Amino acid sequence: MTEPLEKRLEKAMAELHAAQEAVAHTERELRQASFAVLSSDRAVRATVGPQGELTGIEFLDHKYRDMSPQELAASVLEAASAARLKMNRHVMKAMAPFTEPSSGVPELKGFELDWERIFGPEVLREDDDDKAHGDPATPAWRDALGEDGED
């Protein structure tokens, strides 16, 4: 027997409200995010903010003194690009649950995002950090809603 329309609508509204709260929580969390990455030569640390903007550059252990301008520029660009990529992946993981259809209300399909078009193809490649840590951590909002992310 199918569920009455009023009950289904009530469920859908409750899930929509929970999703709106979760999106707001995720947005607040992402506004505070930053990532810092060392260049492979360990001469530069670049830090990016929540929109991938460069917020800091550190030149470590006076290594820059022995580097040519081209080497130093390459180290800065490498570290900044890697930090921006980490931030992009963090945003992608944080927003991924909102792209999934609702298990309780089939009419709520989630939304579709073209991550490659937004961030570039690098964001979809497997990251060494992902390999080392296994599955990404469960988003904090799922814990707050009493969901474990497994459907």
Protein backbone atom coordinates (compact mmCIF):
# COMPACT_ATOMS: atom_id res chain seq x y z
CA MET A 1 0.00 0.00 0.00
CA THR A 2 1.34 3.41 -0.91
CA GLU A 3 1.89 6.10 1.64
CA PRO A 4 -0.69 8.92 1.74
CA LEU A 5 0.29 12.05 -0.18
CA GLU A 6 0.26 14.19 2.98
CA LYS A 7 2.74 11.87 4.70
CA ARG A 8 5.03 11.81 1.66
CA LEU A 9 4.90 15.61 1.43
CA GLU A 10 5.68 15.90 5.15
CA LYS A 11 8.69 13.59 4.71
CA ALA A 12 9.89 15.53 1.67
CA MET A 13 9.59 18.85 3.51
CA ALA A 14 11.49 17.49 6.51
CA GLU A 15 14.26 16.17 4.28
CA LEU A 16 14.40 19.42 2.33
CA HIS A 17 14.69 21.38 5.57
CA ALA A 18 17.47 19.07 6.80
CA ALA A 19 19.27 19.43 3.47
CA GLN A 20 19.01 23.24 3.63
CA GLU A 21 20.48 23.21 7.12
CA ALA A 22 23.23 20.85 5.99
CA VAL A 23 24.10 23.07 3.00
CA ALA A 24 24.27 26.12 5.27
CA HIS A 25 26.49 24.23 7.73
CA THR A 26 28.76 23.03 4.91
CA GLU A 27 29.02 26.55 3.50
CA ARG A 28 30.03 27.92 6.92
CA GLU A 29 32.58 25.13 7.30
CA LEU A 30 34.03 25.73 3.83
CA ARG A 31 34.34 29.50 4.40
CA GLN A 32 36.79 28.68 7.21
CA ALA A 33 38.86 26.14 5.26
CA SER A 34 42.45 26.59 4.17
CA PHE A 35 45.20 24.29 2.95
CA ALA A 36 48.97 24.68 3.04
CA VAL A 37 51.28 22.58 0.86
CA LEU A 38 55.07 22.32 0.63
CA SER A 39 56.78 22.32 -2.74
CA SER A 40 58.55 19.07 -3.59
CA ASP A 41 61.94 20.72 -2.97
CA ARG A 42 60.63 21.82 0.46
CA ALA A 43 61.67 25.41 -0.22
CA VAL A 44 58.19 26.97 -0.31
CA ARG A 45 54.91 26.55 1.59
CA ALA A 46 51.82 28.01 -0.09
CA THR A 47 48.50 28.47 1.67
CA VAL A 48 45.16 28.93 -0.06
CA GLY A 49 41.82 30.07 1.29
CA PRO A 50 38.32 28.72 0.76
CA GLN A 51 38.01 29.94 -2.82
CA GLY A 52 41.45 28.71 -3.81
CA GLU A 53 42.93 32.20 -3.42
CA LEU A 54 46.56 32.41 -2.38
CA THR A 55 46.64 33.64 1.23
CA GLY A 56 50.24 32.97 2.18
CA ILE A 57 53.71 32.12 0.89
CA GLU A 58 56.56 31.07 3.13
CA PHE A 59 60.15 30.62 2.01
CA LEU A 60 61.60 27.89 4.19
CA ASP A 61 65.11 27.40 5.59
CA HIS A 62 66.56 30.19 3.41
CA LYS A 63 66.65 27.74 0.49
CA TYR A 64 65.51 30.52 -1.83
CA ARG A 65 68.96 32.11 -1.52
CA ASP A 66 70.51 29.28 -3.53
CA MET A 67 67.74 29.13 -6.13
CA SER A 68 67.54 30.83 -9.47
CA PRO A 69 64.51 33.06 -10.03
CA GLN A 70 63.06 30.39 -12.34
CA GLU A 71 63.52 27.64 -9.72
CA LEU A 72 61.92 29.77 -7.02
CA ALA A 73 59.00 30.69 -9.29
CA ALA A 74 58.50 27.01 -10.15
CA SER A 75 58.47 26.08 -6.45
CA VAL A 76 55.92 28.79 -5.66
CA LEU A 77 53.68 27.75 -8.55
CA GLU A 78 53.96 24.06 -7.66
CA ALA A 79 53.03 24.60 -4.01
CA ALA A 80 50.20 27.04 -4.83
CA SER A 81 48.74 24.71 -7.46
CA ALA A 82 48.89 21.71 -5.13
CA ALA A 83 47.23 23.66 -2.31
CA ARG A 84 44.48 24.88 -4.65
CA LEU A 85 43.91 21.31 -5.85
CA LYS A 86 43.59 20.11 -2.23
CA MET A 87 41.03 22.83 -1.57
CA ASN A 88 39.09 21.93 -4.73
CA ARG A 89 38.98 18.28 -3.68
CA HIS A 90 37.90 19.27 -0.19
CA VAL A 91 35.01 21.31 -1.61
CA MET A 92 34.08 18.44 -3.91
CA LYS A 93 34.01 15.93 -1.03
CA ALA A 94 32.06 18.30 1.21
CA MET A 95 29.42 18.90 -1.46
CA ALA A 96 29.21 15.31 -2.76
CA PRO A 97 26.41 14.21 -0.40
CA PHE A 98 24.13 16.87 -1.89
CA THR A 99 24.54 15.36 -5.34
CA GLU A 100 23.11 12.02 -4.22
CA PRO A 101 19.41 11.17 -4.47
CA SER A 102 17.39 10.95 -1.29
CA SER A 103 16.91 7.43 0.03
CA GLY A 104 13.74 8.37 1.90
CA VAL A 105 12.12 10.61 -0.72
CA PRO A 106 12.79 9.33 -4.26
CA GLU A 107 11.46 12.57 -5.76
CA LEU A 108 14.47 14.45 -4.34
CA LYS A 109 17.13 13.52 -6.87
CA GLY A 110 20.06 15.60 -5.63
CA PHE A 111 21.84 17.95 -7.98
CA GLU A 112 24.33 17.26 -10.72
CA LEU A 113 27.70 19.00 -10.86
CA ASP A 114 30.40 18.78 -13.48
CA TRP A 115 33.43 18.87 -11.16
CA GLU A 116 35.84 18.64 -14.07
CA ARG A 117 34.32 21.72 -15.70
CA ILE A 118 34.34 23.63 -12.39
CA PHE A 119 37.82 22.72 -11.13
CA GLY A 120 39.61 21.11 -14.08
CA PRO A 121 40.46 17.46 -14.78
CA GLU A 122 43.08 17.18 -12.02
CA VAL A 123 40.41 17.21 -9.33
CA LEU A 124 39.05 13.85 -10.54
CA ARG A 125 42.40 12.06 -10.54
CA GLU A 126 43.12 9.85 -7.56
CA ASP A 127 45.13 11.69 -4.94
CA ASP A 128 47.99 10.13 -3.00
CA ASP A 129 46.33 11.33 0.22
CA ASP A 130 43.12 9.49 -0.75
CA LYS A 131 45.09 6.30 -1.34
CA ALA A 132 46.84 6.62 2.02
CA HIS A 133 43.71 7.39 4.04
CA GLY A 134 41.15 5.18 2.33
CA ASP A 135 37.62 6.55 2.03
CA PRO A 136 37.09 10.25 2.71
CA ALA A 137 35.84 11.17 6.15
CA THR A 138 32.12 11.34 6.73
CA PRO A 139 30.96 14.96 6.43
CA ALA A 140 30.21 16.52 9.80
CA TRP A 141 26.66 17.39 8.79
CA ARG A 142 25.82 13.71 8.33
CA ASP A 143 26.84 13.10 11.94
CA ALA A 144 24.68 16.03 13.05
CA LEU A 145 21.68 14.56 11.26
CA GLY A 146 22.34 11.09 12.65
CA GLU A 147 23.24 9.69 9.23
CA ASP A 148 26.30 7.66 8.50
CA GLY A 149 26.38 8.26 4.78
CA GLU A 150 25.68 4.65 3.89
CA ASP A 151 22.46 3.96 2.02
